């Protein structure tokens, strides 16, 4: 097994993030994903390039820490996750919503 095959872990990417801001970023060819907390930028880049067959310009990451959430008298916390914003080269795109 080569070193490249070891470092590509498909479980690194959890799910795409679909919010108002992330859909606006799609116009700039930027895609948002929730990724594993231990992932670094190089691993994220390799995994997304091999999974979606695209070429990535650069990767930005953001650690979102737990936020306090209140429902009535109950107080809890939202989960912590790491967010990756991936900028693709101009002639590439990712099909997030397959046509049915």
PDB file of N, CA and C in Angstrom:
ATOM      1  N   UNK A   1       0.848  -1.183   0.000  1.00  0.00           N
ATOM      2  CA  UNK A   1       0.000   0.000   0.000  1.00  0.00           C
ATOM      3  C   UNK A   1       0.885   1.234   0.000  1.00  0.00           C
ATOM      4  N   UNK A   2       0.629   2.159  -0.923  1.00  0.00           N
ATOM      5  CA  UNK A   2       1.449   3.356  -1.012  1.00  0.00           C
ATOM      6  C   UNK A   2       1.032   4.379   0.031  1.00  0.00           C
ATOM      7  N   UNK A   3       1.850   5.375   0.186  1.00  0.00           N
ATOM      8  CA  UNK A   3       1.579   6.424   1.164  1.00  0.00           C
ATOM      9  C   UNK A   3       0.333   7.223   0.794  1.00  0.00           C
ATOM     10  N   UNK A   4       0.105   7.465  -0.525  1.00  0.00           N
ATOM     11  CA  UNK A   4      -1.081   8.211  -0.959  1.00  0.00           C
ATOM     12  C   UNK A   4      -2.357   7.457  -0.646  1.00  0.00           C
ATOM     13  N   UNK A   5      -2.348   6.141  -0.817  1.00  0.00           N
ATOM     14  CA  UNK A   5      -3.551   5.347  -0.559  1.00  0.00           C
ATOM     15  C   UNK A   5      -3.890   5.327   0.927  1.00  0.00           C
ATOM     16  N   UNK A   6      -2.877   5.390   1.784  1.00  0.00           N
ATOM     17  CA  UNK A   6      -3.129   5.412   3.231  1.00  0.00           C
ATOM     18  C   UNK A   6      -3.765   6.732   3.664  1.00  0.00           C
ATOM     19  N   UNK A   7      -3.303   7.837   3.072  1.00  0.00           N
ATOM     20  CA  UNK A   7      -3.731   9.145   3.551  1.00  0.00           C
ATOM     21  C   UNK A   7      -5.123   9.539   3.070  1.00  0.00           C
ATOM     22  N   UNK A   8      -5.660   8.843   2.054  1.00  0.00           N
ATOM     23  CA  UNK A   8      -6.989   9.182   1.557  1.00  0.00           C
ATOM     24  C   UNK A   8      -8.018   8.412   2.372  1.00  0.00           C
ATOM     25  N   UNK A   9      -8.803   9.137   3.128  1.00  0.00           N
ATOM     26  CA  UNK A   9      -9.826   8.541   3.981  1.00  0.00           C
ATOM     27  C   UNK A   9     -11.154   9.185   3.633  1.00  0.00           C
ATOM     28  N   UNK A  10     -12.041   8.410   3.029  1.00  0.00           N
ATOM     29  CA  UNK A  10     -13.332   8.952   2.583  1.00  0.00           C
ATOM     30  C   UNK A  10     -14.191   9.385   3.770  1.00  0.00           C
ATOM     31  N   UNK A  11     -13.963   8.848   4.960  1.00  0.00           N
ATOM     32  CA  UNK A  11     -14.737   9.211   6.150  1.00  0.00           C
ATOM     33  C   UNK A  11     -14.317  10.558   6.726  1.00  0.00           C
ATOM     34  N   UNK A  12     -13.314  11.175   6.129  1.00  0.00           N
ATOM     35  CA  UNK A  12     -12.843  12.482   6.567  1.00  0.00           C
ATOM     36  C   UNK A  12     -13.909  13.551   6.347  1.00  0.00           C
ATOM     37  N   UNK A  13     -14.653  13.437   5.242  1.00  0.00           N
ATOM     38  CA  UNK A  13     -15.717  14.385   4.924  1.00  0.00           C
ATOM     39  C   UNK A  13     -17.014  13.840   5.495  1.00  0.00           C
ATOM     40  N   UNK A  14     -17.668  14.622   6.362  1.00  0.00           N
ATOM     41  CA  UNK A  14     -18.907  14.149   6.980  1.00  0.00           C
ATOM     42  C   UNK A  14     -20.117  14.463   6.111  1.00  0.00           C
ATOM     43  N   UNK A  15     -20.308  15.729   5.754  1.00  0.00           N
ATOM     44  CA  UNK A  15     -21.461  16.122   4.947  1.00  0.00           C
ATOM     45  C   UNK A  15     -21.239  17.534   4.416  1.00  0.00           C
ATOM     46  N   UNK A  16     -21.911  17.889   3.302  1.00  0.00           N
ATOM     47  CA  UNK A  16     -21.823  19.274   2.834  1.00  0.00           C
ATOM     48  C   UNK A  16     -22.694  20.181   3.691  1.00  0.00           C
ATOM     49  N   UNK A  17     -22.275  21.405   3.878  1.00  0.00           N
ATOM     50  CA  UNK A  17     -23.020  22.366   4.680  1.00  0.00           C
ATOM     51  C   UNK A  17     -23.851  23.229   3.728  1.00  0.00           C
ATOM     52  N   UNK A  18     -25.168  23.197   3.912  1.00  0.00           N
ATOM     53  CA  UNK A  18     -26.081  23.949   3.065  1.00  0.00           C
ATOM     54  C   UNK A  18     -26.762  25.023   3.922  1.00  0.00           C
ATOM     55  N   UNK A  19     -26.287  26.247   3.824  1.00  0.00           N
ATOM     56  CA  UNK A  19     -26.891  27.389   4.513  1.00  0.00           C
ATOM     57  C   UNK A  19     -27.029  28.517   3.502  1.00  0.00           C
ATOM     58  N   UNK A  20     -27.609  29.617   3.921  1.00  0.00           N
ATOM     59  CA  UNK A  20     -27.751  30.771   3.030  1.00  0.00           C
ATOM     60  C   UNK A  20     -26.378  31.274   2.568  1.00  0.00           C
ATOM     61  N   UNK A  21     -25.459  31.375   3.503  1.00  0.00           N
ATOM     62  CA  UNK A  21     -24.135  31.885   3.154  1.00  0.00           C
ATOM     63  C   UNK A  21     -23.382  30.911   2.249  1.00  0.00           C
ATOM     64  N   UNK A  22     -23.498  29.605   2.523  1.00  0.00           N
ATOM     65  CA  UNK A  22     -22.769  28.635   1.705  1.00  0.00           C
ATOM     66  C   UNK A  22     -23.339  28.548   0.289  1.00  0.00           C
ATOM     67  N   UNK A  23     -24.645  28.767   0.116  1.00  0.00           N
ATOM     68  CA  UNK A  23     -25.199  28.776  -1.226  1.00  0.00           C
ATOM     69  C   UNK A  23     -24.779  30.032  -1.994  1.00  0.00           C
ATOM     70  N   UNK A  24     -24.548  31.127  -1.301  1.00  0.00           N
ATOM     71  CA  UNK A  24     -24.005  32.316  -1.957  1.00  0.00           C
ATOM     72  C   UNK A  24     -22.558  32.084  -2.387  1.00  0.00           C
ATOM     73  N   UNK A  25     -21.814  31.305  -1.598  1.00  0.00           N
ATOM     74  CA  UNK A  25     -20.428  31.001  -1.949  1.00  0.00           C
ATOM     75  C   UNK A  25     -20.323  30.086  -3.162  1.00  0.00           C
ATOM     76  N   UNK A  26     -21.385  29.334  -3.473  1.00  0.00           N
ATOM     77  CA  UNK A  26     -21.374  28.455  -4.638  1.00  0.00           C
ATOM     78  C   UNK A  26     -21.183  29.261  -5.922  1.00  0.00           C
ATOM     79  N   UNK A  27     -21.656  30.493  -5.951  1.00  0.00           N
ATOM     80  CA  UNK A  27     -21.478  31.352  -7.113  1.00  0.00           C
ATOM     81  C   UNK A  27     -20.011  31.686  -7.343  1.00  0.00           C
ATOM     82  N   UNK A  28     -19.217  31.694  -6.286  1.00  0.00           N
ATOM     83  CA  UNK A  28     -17.782  31.963  -6.380  1.00  0.00           C
ATOM     84  C   UNK A  28     -16.976  30.671  -6.511  1.00  0.00           C
ATOM     85  N   UNK A  29     -17.666  29.551  -6.737  1.00  0.00           N
ATOM     86  CA  UNK A  29     -17.051  28.224  -6.885  1.00  0.00           C
ATOM     87  C   UNK A  29     -16.385  27.773  -5.581  1.00  0.00           C
ATOM     88  N   UNK A  30     -17.040  28.079  -4.449  1.00  0.00           N
ATOM     89  CA  UNK A  30     -16.564  27.673  -3.128  1.00  0.00           C
ATOM     90  C   UNK A  30     -17.605  26.745  -2.506  1.00  0.00           C
ATOM     91  N   UNK A  31     -17.151  25.628  -1.945  1.00  0.00           N
ATOM     92  CA  UNK A  31     -18.030  24.626  -1.362  1.00  0.00           C
ATOM     93  C   UNK A  31     -17.662  24.428   0.104  1.00  0.00           C
ATOM     94  N   UNK A  32     -18.688  24.255   0.947  1.00  0.00           N
ATOM     95  CA  UNK A  32     -18.476  24.094   2.390  1.00  0.00           C
ATOM     96  C   UNK A  32     -18.783  22.664   2.801  1.00  0.00           C
ATOM     97  N   UNK A  33     -17.902  22.086   3.619  1.00  0.00           N
ATOM     98  CA  UNK A  33     -18.073  20.728   4.117  1.00  0.00           C
ATOM     99  C   UNK A  33     -17.776  20.683   5.604  1.00  0.00           C
ATOM    100  N   UNK A  34     -18.507  19.843   6.324  1.00  0.00           N
ATOM    101  CA  UNK A  34     -18.143  19.524   7.699  1.00  0.00           C
ATOM    102  C   UNK A  34     -17.167  18.360   7.617  1.00  0.00           C
ATOM    103  N   UNK A  35     -16.032  18.486   8.269  1.00  0.00           N
ATOM    104  CA  UNK A  35     -14.987  17.467   8.189  1.00  0.00           C
ATOM    105  C   UNK A  35     -14.613  17.000   9.590  1.00  0.00           C
ATOM    106  N   UNK A  36     -13.808  15.960   9.648  1.00  0.00           N
ATOM    107  CA  UNK A  36     -13.333  15.412  10.916  1.00  0.00           C
ATOM    108  C   UNK A  36     -12.504  16.465  11.649  1.00  0.00           C
ATOM    109  N   UNK A  37     -12.616  16.506  12.967  1.00  0.00           N
ATOM    110  CA  UNK A  37     -11.909  17.515  13.767  1.00  0.00           C
ATOM    111  C   UNK A  37     -10.395  17.383  13.689  1.00  0.00           C
ATOM    112  N   UNK A  38      -9.883  16.186  13.426  1.00  0.00           N
ATOM    113  CA  UNK A  38      -8.440  15.955  13.374  1.00  0.00           C
ATOM    114  C   UNK A  38      -7.856  16.172  11.982  1.00  0.00           C
ATOM    115  N   UNK A  39      -8.687  16.473  10.987  1.00  0.00           N
ATOM    116  CA  UNK A  39      -8.231  16.603   9.598  1.00  0.00           C
ATOM    117  C   UNK A  39      -7.428  17.880   9.404  1.00  0.00           C
ATOM    118  N   UNK A  40      -6.391  17.787   8.554  1.00  0.00           N
ATOM    119  CA  UNK A  40      -5.649  18.988   8.197  1.00  0.00           C
ATOM    120  C   UNK A  40      -5.950  19.340   6.740  1.00  0.00           C
ATOM    121  N   UNK A  41      -5.453  20.476   6.285  1.00  0.00           N
ATOM    122  CA  UNK A  41      -5.798  20.991   4.963  1.00  0.00           C
ATOM    123  C   UNK A  41      -5.318  20.070   3.841  1.00  0.00           C
ATOM    124  N   UNK A  42      -4.136  19.482   3.992  1.00  0.00           N
ATOM    125  CA  UNK A  42      -3.611  18.593   2.952  1.00  0.00           C
ATOM    126  C   UNK A  42      -4.480  17.352   2.794  1.00  0.00           C
ATOM    127  N   UNK A  43      -4.904  16.765   3.917  1.00  0.00           N
ATOM    128  CA  UNK A  43      -5.769  15.584   3.851  1.00  0.00           C
ATOM    129  C   UNK A  43      -7.127  15.912   3.247  1.00  0.00           C
ATOM    130  N   UNK A  44      -7.681  17.060   3.610  1.00  0.00           N
ATOM    131  CA  UNK A  44      -8.977  17.480   3.071  1.00  0.00           C
ATOM    132  C   UNK A  44      -8.864  17.669   1.563  1.00  0.00           C
ATOM    133  N   UNK A  45      -7.797  18.307   1.112  1.00  0.00           N
ATOM    134  CA  UNK A  45      -7.596  18.552  -0.314  1.00  0.00           C
ATOM    135  C   UNK A  45      -7.484  17.246  -1.089  1.00  0.00           C
ATOM    136  N   UNK A  46      -6.670  16.307  -0.605  1.00  0.00           N
ATOM    137  CA  UNK A  46      -6.510  15.017  -1.288  1.00  0.00           C
ATOM    138  C   UNK A  46      -7.816  14.248  -1.351  1.00  0.00           C
ATOM    139  N   UNK A  47      -8.553  14.233  -0.256  1.00  0.00           N
ATOM    140  CA  UNK A  47      -9.791  13.467  -0.193  1.00  0.00           C
ATOM    141  C   UNK A  47     -10.845  14.026  -1.139  1.00  0.00           C
ATOM    142  N   UNK A  48     -11.030  15.334  -1.145  1.00  0.00           N
ATOM    143  CA  UNK A  48     -12.052  15.936  -2.005  1.00  0.00           C
ATOM    144  C   UNK A  48     -11.656  15.819  -3.474  1.00  0.00           C
ATOM    145  N   UNK A  49     -10.375  16.002  -3.791  1.00  0.00           N
ATOM    146  CA  UNK A  49      -9.937  15.864  -5.180  1.00  0.00           C
ATOM    147  C   UNK A  49     -10.173  14.456  -5.703  1.00  0.00           C
ATOM    148  N   UNK A  50      -9.889  13.453  -4.889  1.00  0.00           N
ATOM    149  CA  UNK A  50     -10.063  12.073  -5.342  1.00  0.00           C
ATOM    150  C   UNK A  50     -11.515  11.616  -5.309  1.00  0.00           C
ATOM    151  N   UNK A  51     -12.311  12.145  -4.397  1.00  0.00           N
ATOM    152  CA  UNK A  51     -13.714  11.734  -4.293  1.00  0.00           C
ATOM    153  C   UNK A  51     -14.547  12.321  -5.424  1.00  0.00           C
ATOM    154  N   UNK A  52     -14.367  13.612  -5.712  1.00  0.00           N
ATOM    155  CA  UNK A  52     -15.209  14.298  -6.684  1.00  0.00           C
ATOM    156  C   UNK A  52     -14.531  14.544  -8.030  1.00  0.00           C
ATOM    157  N   UNK A  53     -13.270  14.119  -8.201  1.00  0.00           N
ATOM    158  CA  UNK A  53     -12.513  14.315  -9.442  1.00  0.00           C
ATOM    159  C   UNK A  53     -12.472  15.785  -9.857  1.00  0.00           C
ATOM    160  N   UNK A  54     -12.021  16.631  -8.944  1.00  0.00           N
ATOM    161  CA  UNK A  54     -11.915  18.067  -9.189  1.00  0.00           C
ATOM    162  C   UNK A  54     -10.498  18.532  -8.853  1.00  0.00           C
ATOM    163  N   UNK A  55     -10.168  19.742  -9.232  1.00  0.00           N
ATOM    164  CA  UNK A  55      -8.882  20.359  -8.915  1.00  0.00           C
ATOM    165  C   UNK A  55      -9.147  21.515  -7.964  1.00  0.00           C
ATOM    166  N   UNK A  56      -8.463  21.520  -6.815  1.00  0.00           N
ATOM    167  CA  UNK A  56      -8.705  22.512  -5.765  1.00  0.00           C
ATOM    168  C   UNK A  56      -7.635  23.588  -5.797  1.00  0.00           C
ATOM    169  N   UNK A  57      -8.085  24.850  -5.719  1.00  0.00           N
ATOM    170  CA  UNK A  57      -7.177  25.996  -5.668  1.00  0.00           C
ATOM    171  C   UNK A  57      -6.631  26.154  -4.254  1.00  0.00           C
ATOM    172  N   UNK A  58      -7.522  26.236  -3.240  1.00  0.00           N
ATOM    173  CA  UNK A  58      -7.074  26.287  -1.848  1.00  0.00           C
ATOM    174  C   UNK A  58      -8.200  25.890  -0.895  1.00  0.00           C
ATOM    175  N   UNK A  59      -7.803  25.621   0.350  1.00  0.00           N
ATOM    176  CA  UNK A  59      -8.722  25.152   1.393  1.00  0.00           C
ATOM    177  C   UNK A  59      -8.610  26.077   2.601  1.00  0.00           C
ATOM    178  N   UNK A  60      -9.747  26.530   3.108  1.00  0.00           N
ATOM    179  CA  UNK A  60      -9.797  27.297   4.354  1.00  0.00           C
ATOM    180  C   UNK A  60     -10.544  26.458   5.382  1.00  0.00           C
ATOM    181  N   UNK A  61     -10.065  26.435   6.622  1.00  0.00           N
ATOM    182  CA  UNK A  61     -10.725  25.664   7.668  1.00  0.00           C
ATOM    183  C   UNK A  61     -11.119  26.573   8.816  1.00  0.00           C
ATOM    184  N   UNK A  62     -12.120  26.111   9.561  1.00  0.00           N
ATOM    185  CA  UNK A  62     -12.662  26.884  10.677  1.00  0.00           C
ATOM    186  C   UNK A  62     -13.168  25.902  11.724  1.00  0.00           C
ATOM    187  N   UNK A  63     -12.716  26.046  12.970  1.00  0.00           N
ATOM    188  CA  UNK A  63     -13.215  25.229  14.070  1.00  0.00           C
ATOM    189  C   UNK A  63     -14.373  25.954  14.732  1.00  0.00           C
ATOM    190  N   UNK A  64     -15.557  25.359  14.642  1.00  0.00           N
ATOM    191  CA  UNK A  64     -16.741  25.953  15.256  1.00  0.00           C
ATOM    192  C   UNK A  64     -16.915  25.320  16.629  1.00  0.00           C
ATOM    193  N   UNK A  65     -16.772  26.126  17.652  1.00  0.00           N
ATOM    194  CA  UNK A  65     -16.879  25.625  19.009  1.00  0.00           C
ATOM    195  C   UNK A  65     -18.336  25.576  19.447  1.00  0.00           C
ATOM    196  N   UNK A  66     -18.650  24.800  20.484  1.00  0.00           N
ATOM    197  CA  UNK A  66     -20.051  24.658  20.921  1.00  0.00           C
ATOM    198  C   UNK A  66     -20.649  25.997  21.322  1.00  0.00           C
ATOM    199  N   UNK A  67     -21.866  26.225  20.845  1.00  0.00           N
ATOM    200  CA  UNK A  67     -22.595  27.436  21.215  1.00  0.00           C
ATOM    201  C   UNK A  67     -23.715  27.053  22.167  1.00  0.00           C
ATOM    202  N   UNK A  68     -23.998  27.969  23.095  1.00  0.00           N
ATOM    203  CA  UNK A  68     -25.072  27.739  24.047  1.00  0.00           C
ATOM    204  C   UNK A  68     -26.412  27.916  23.340  1.00  0.00           C
ATOM    205  N   UNK A  69     -27.314  26.992  23.548  1.00  0.00           N
ATOM    206  CA  UNK A  69     -28.643  27.034  22.935  1.00  0.00           C
ATOM    207  C   UNK A  69     -29.674  26.861  24.033  1.00  0.00           C
ATOM    208  N   UNK A  70     -30.701  27.708  24.017  1.00  0.00           N
ATOM    209  CA  UNK A  70     -31.709  27.664  25.061  1.00  0.00           C
ATOM    210  C   UNK A  70     -33.080  27.420  24.440  1.00  0.00           C
ATOM    211  N   UNK A  71     -33.808  26.454  24.976  1.00  0.00           N
ATOM    212  CA  UNK A  71     -35.183  26.175  24.578  1.00  0.00           C
ATOM    213  C   UNK A  71     -36.006  26.205  25.855  1.00  0.00           C
ATOM    214  N   UNK A  72     -36.736  27.310  26.045  1.00  0.00           N
ATOM    215  CA  UNK A  72     -37.497  27.463  27.283  1.00  0.00           C
ATOM    216  C   UNK A  72     -36.562  27.585  28.465  1.00  0.00           C
ATOM    217  N   UNK A  73     -36.764  26.725  29.459  1.00  0.00           N
ATOM    218  CA  UNK A  73     -35.890  26.769  30.638  1.00  0.00           C
ATOM    219  C   UNK A  73     -34.687  25.836  30.506  1.00  0.00           C
ATOM    220  N   UNK A  74     -34.609  25.079  29.428  1.00  0.00           N
ATOM    221  CA  UNK A  74     -33.525  24.115  29.233  1.00  0.00           C
ATOM    222  C   UNK A  74     -32.382  24.746  28.453  1.00  0.00           C
ATOM    223  N   UNK A  75     -31.172  24.527  28.928  1.00  0.00           N
ATOM    224  CA  UNK A  75     -29.977  25.059  28.288  1.00  0.00           C
ATOM    225  C   UNK A  75     -29.112  23.892  27.852  1.00  0.00           C
ATOM    226  N   UNK A  76     -28.683  23.933  26.600  1.00  0.00           N
ATOM    227  CA  UNK A  76     -27.802  22.897  26.068  1.00  0.00           C
ATOM    228  C   UNK A  76     -26.765  23.534  25.165  1.00  0.00           C
ATOM    229  N   UNK A  77     -26.014  22.712  24.470  1.00  0.00           N
ATOM    230  CA  UNK A  77     -24.963  23.185  23.583  1.00  0.00           C
ATOM    231  C   UNK A  77     -25.094  22.527  22.222  1.00  0.00           C
ATOM    232  N   UNK A  78     -24.800  23.304  21.174  1.00  0.00           N
ATOM    233  CA  UNK A  78     -24.706  22.738  19.836  1.00  0.00           C
ATOM    234  C   UNK A  78     -23.382  21.982  19.744  1.00  0.00           C
ATOM    235  N   UNK A  79     -23.305  21.043  18.812  1.00  0.00           N
ATOM    236  CA  UNK A  79     -22.094  20.245  18.691  1.00  0.00           C
ATOM    237  C   UNK A  79     -20.947  21.051  18.092  1.00  0.00           C
ATOM    238  N   UNK A  80     -19.739  20.630  18.421  1.00  0.00           N
ATOM    239  CA  UNK A  80     -18.530  21.216  17.873  1.00  0.00           C
ATOM    240  C   UNK A  80     -18.202  20.486  16.579  1.00  0.00           C
ATOM    241  N   UNK A  81     -17.790  21.223  15.534  1.00  0.00           N
ATOM    242  CA  UNK A  81     -17.344  20.587  14.311  1.00  0.00           C
ATOM    243  C   UNK A  81     -16.351  21.483  13.596  1.00  0.00           C
ATOM    244  N   UNK A  82     -15.652  20.893  12.635  1.00  0.00           N
ATOM    245  CA  UNK A  82     -14.693  21.633  11.837  1.00  0.00           C
ATOM    246  C   UNK A  82     -15.282  21.832  10.446  1.00  0.00           C
ATOM    247  N   UNK A  83     -15.196  23.043   9.951  1.00  0.00           N
ATOM    248  CA  UNK A  83     -15.755  23.395   8.658  1.00  0.00           C
ATOM    249  C   UNK A  83     -14.618  23.682   7.685  1.00  0.00           C
ATOM    250  N   UNK A  84     -14.740  23.149   6.472  1.00  0.00           N
ATOM    251  CA  UNK A  84     -13.750  23.401   5.429  1.00  0.00           C
ATOM    252  C   UNK A  84     -14.445  24.087   4.265  1.00  0.00           C
ATOM    253  N   UNK A  85     -13.910  25.212   3.832  1.00  0.00           N
ATOM    254  CA  UNK A  85     -14.405  25.910   2.651  1.00  0.00           C
ATOM    255  C   UNK A  85     -13.369  25.703   1.552  1.00  0.00           C
ATOM    256  N   UNK A  86     -13.795  25.010   0.494  1.00  0.00           N
ATOM    257  CA  UNK A  86     -12.897  24.592  -0.575  1.00  0.00           C
ATOM    258  C   UNK A  86     -13.165  25.449  -1.808  1.00  0.00           C
ATOM    259  N   UNK A  87     -12.120  26.063  -2.355  1.00  0.00           N
ATOM    260  CA  UNK A  87     -12.229  26.838  -3.585  1.00  0.00           C
ATOM    261  C   UNK A  87     -11.695  25.989  -4.727  1.00  0.00           C
ATOM    262  N   UNK A  88     -12.526  25.790  -5.753  1.00  0.00           N
ATOM    263  CA  UNK A  88     -12.145  24.969  -6.900  1.00  0.00           C
ATOM    264  C   UNK A  88     -11.558  25.835  -8.012  1.00  0.00           C
ATOM    265  N   UNK A  89     -10.816  25.189  -8.911  1.00  0.00           N
ATOM    266  CA  UNK A  89     -10.343  25.863 -10.115  1.00  0.00           C
ATOM    267  C   UNK A  89     -11.554  26.270 -10.960  1.00  0.00           C
ATOM    268  N   UNK A  90     -11.380  27.193 -11.884  1.00  0.00           N
ATOM    269  CA  UNK A  90     -12.488  27.789 -12.623  1.00  0.00           C
ATOM    270  C   UNK A  90     -13.322  26.799 -13.428  1.00  0.00           C
ATOM    271  N   UNK A  91     -12.718  25.805 -14.055  1.00  0.00           N
ATOM    272  CA  UNK A  91     -13.470  24.917 -14.941  1.00  0.00           C
ATOM    273  C   UNK A  91     -13.989  23.665 -14.244  1.00  0.00           C
ATOM    274  N   UNK A  92     -13.984  23.609 -12.914  1.00  0.00           N
ATOM    275  CA  UNK A  92     -14.480  22.456 -12.164  1.00  0.00           C
ATOM    276  C   UNK A  92     -15.688  22.850 -11.327  1.00  0.00           C
ATOM    277  N   UNK A  93     -16.539  21.854 -11.036  1.00  0.00           N
ATOM    278  CA  UNK A  93     -17.672  22.058 -10.130  1.00  0.00           C
ATOM    279  C   UNK A  93     -18.042  20.721  -9.503  1.00  0.00           C
ATOM    280  N   UNK A  94     -18.763  20.790  -8.387  1.00  0.00           N
ATOM    281  CA  UNK A  94     -19.223  19.592  -7.673  1.00  0.00           C
ATOM    282  C   UNK A  94     -20.739  19.570  -7.748  1.00  0.00           C
ATOM    283  N   UNK A  95     -21.306  18.431  -8.126  1.00  0.00           N
ATOM    284  CA  UNK A  95     -22.756  18.258  -8.237  1.00  0.00           C
ATOM    285  C   UNK A  95     -23.266  17.822  -6.866  1.00  0.00           C
ATOM    286  N   UNK A  96     -23.727  18.780  -6.041  1.00  0.00           N
ATOM    287  CA  UNK A  96     -24.242  18.465  -4.705  1.00  0.00           C
ATOM    288  C   UNK A  96     -25.649  17.887  -4.768  1.00  0.00           C
ATOM    289  N   UNK A  97     -26.446  18.358  -5.703  1.00  0.00           N
ATOM    290  CA  UNK A  97     -27.825  17.904  -5.830  1.00  0.00           C
ATOM    291  C   UNK A  97     -27.977  17.171  -7.155  1.00  0.00           C
ATOM    292  N   UNK A  98     -27.977  15.840  -7.148  1.00  0.00           N
ATOM    293  CA  UNK A  98     -28.112  15.110  -8.418  1.00  0.00           C
ATOM    294  C   UNK A  98     -29.502  15.313  -9.030  1.00  0.00           C
ATOM    295  N   UNK A  99     -29.537  15.427 -10.351  1.00  0.00           N
ATOM    296  CA  UNK A  99     -30.814  15.612 -11.052  1.00  0.00           C
ATOM    297  C   UNK A  99     -31.574  14.298 -11.081  1.00  0.00           C
ATOM    298  N   UNK A 100     -32.839  14.319 -10.660  1.00  0.00           N
ATOM    299  CA  UNK A 100     -33.654  13.105 -10.653  1.00  0.00           C
ATOM    300  C   UNK A 100     -34.658  13.135 -11.760  1.00  0.00           C
TER     301      UNK A 100
END
